[in-house]
Amino acid sequence: MTSKISFARWPGDTGLAIKGTSVVIDGVVHCRHSNGGGLVAETTRVSPTAFVGFNALVSGAAQVYGGARVYGGAQVYGDARVY
C-alpha cells in the first residue's frame, strides 16, 4: 500500500513525486506495468497481456485490453478504451 504524499506546489512544478517503485502524479499513484514498464495509474484497468512501453502513460479512467500496444511517448487517458 502506498501512502499519500503531499508536496508544495509552485510555478513550474510538474506535480510529480516519487516514492519507492511508484510515482505520484497530481495526487494519483502510478506504477510500472509488468509488460513494458510504462506508467499505469491506479485508477485505470490494464490487462497483463497488454504492452505499455517504458515511456508510455495510461491514466484517468482509461482501459487497455488484450494484446493492445501502447508505446513511444503515447498517453492514454480520460475514458479512452484501447483494444
Protein backbone atom coordinates (compact mmCIF):
# COMPACT_ATOMS: atom_id res chain seq x y z
CA MET A 1 0.00 0.00 0.00
CA THR A 2 1.34 3.41 -0.93
CA SER A 3 0.79 6.28 1.44
CA LYS A 4 -0.32 9.67 0.20
CA ILE A 5 2.46 12.11 -0.50
CA SER A 6 1.98 15.82 -0.01
CA PHE A 7 4.33 18.29 -1.58
CA ALA A 8 4.46 22.02 -2.20
CA ARG A 9 3.10 23.43 -5.46
CA TRP A 10 4.81 26.36 -7.16
CA PRO A 11 5.02 27.77 -10.70
CA GLY A 12 6.74 25.21 -12.89
CA ASP A 13 6.04 22.31 -10.52
CA THR A 14 5.27 19.19 -12.54
CA GLY A 15 3.07 17.62 -9.87
CA LEU A 16 5.42 14.62 -9.77
CA ALA A 17 6.61 12.92 -6.59
CA ILE A 18 8.48 9.62 -6.36
CA LYS A 19 8.13 7.11 -3.52
CA GLY A 20 9.70 3.67 -3.80
CA THR A 21 8.68 1.97 -7.04
CA SER A 22 5.55 4.08 -7.52
CA VAL A 23 5.18 7.62 -8.79
CA VAL A 24 2.54 10.11 -7.70
CA ILE A 25 1.37 12.44 -10.47
CA ASP A 26 -1.14 15.12 -9.45
CA GLY A 27 -2.14 13.07 -6.42
CA VAL A 28 -2.68 9.76 -8.29
CA VAL A 29 -0.37 6.77 -7.71
CA HIS A 30 1.16 5.29 -10.88
CA CYS A 31 3.12 2.02 -11.02
CA ARG A 32 5.21 0.39 -13.73
CA HIS A 33 3.31 -2.12 -15.88
CA SER A 34 4.70 -5.66 -15.81
CA ASN A 35 4.71 -5.89 -19.63
CA GLY A 36 6.80 -2.99 -20.93
CA GLY A 37 7.34 -0.94 -17.79
CA GLY A 38 5.14 2.05 -18.71
CA LEU A 39 3.36 4.08 -16.07
CA VAL A 40 -0.17 2.93 -15.22
CA ALA A 41 -2.41 4.87 -12.81
CA GLU A 42 -4.20 3.03 -10.03
CA THR A 43 -7.45 4.44 -11.49
CA THR A 44 -7.09 2.52 -14.78
CA ARG A 45 -7.69 -1.04 -15.95
CA VAL A 46 -4.83 -2.52 -17.96
CA SER A 47 -4.69 -6.18 -18.99
CA PRO A 48 -1.49 -8.02 -18.03
CA THR A 49 -1.24 -9.16 -21.67
CA ALA A 50 -1.30 -5.57 -22.97
CA PHE A 51 2.04 -3.88 -23.67
CA VAL A 52 2.68 -0.46 -22.13
CA GLY A 53 6.10 0.77 -23.24
CA PHE A 54 8.52 2.34 -20.78
CA ASN A 55 7.86 5.93 -21.92
CA ALA A 56 4.08 5.50 -22.23
CA LEU A 57 1.42 6.60 -19.73
CA VAL A 58 -2.07 5.25 -19.01
CA SER A 59 -4.12 7.43 -16.66
CA GLY A 60 -7.59 8.65 -15.72
CA ALA A 61 -10.32 6.05 -16.26
CA ALA A 62 -8.65 4.61 -19.38
CA GLN A 63 -8.74 0.89 -20.13
CA VAL A 64 -6.24 -1.11 -22.21
CA TYR A 65 -7.29 -4.64 -23.18
CA GLY A 66 -5.84 -7.89 -24.54
CA GLY A 67 -2.85 -7.60 -26.84
CA ALA A 68 -3.09 -3.83 -27.29
CA ARG A 69 0.23 -1.98 -27.54
CA VAL A 70 0.86 1.49 -26.12
CA TYR A 71 4.39 2.63 -26.81
CA GLY A 72 6.71 5.55 -27.52
CA GLY A 73 5.57 8.67 -25.71
CA ALA A 74 1.88 7.74 -26.06
CA GLN A 75 -0.58 8.88 -23.41
CA VAL A 76 -3.91 7.10 -22.97
CA TYR A 77 -6.20 9.00 -20.62
CA GLY A 78 -9.74 10.09 -19.80
CA ASP A 79 -12.33 7.46 -20.68
CA ALA A 80 -10.29 6.03 -23.58
CA ARG A 81 -10.54 2.33 -24.44
CA VAL A 82 -7.74 0.60 -26.36
CA TYR A 83 -8.29 -2.93 -27.74
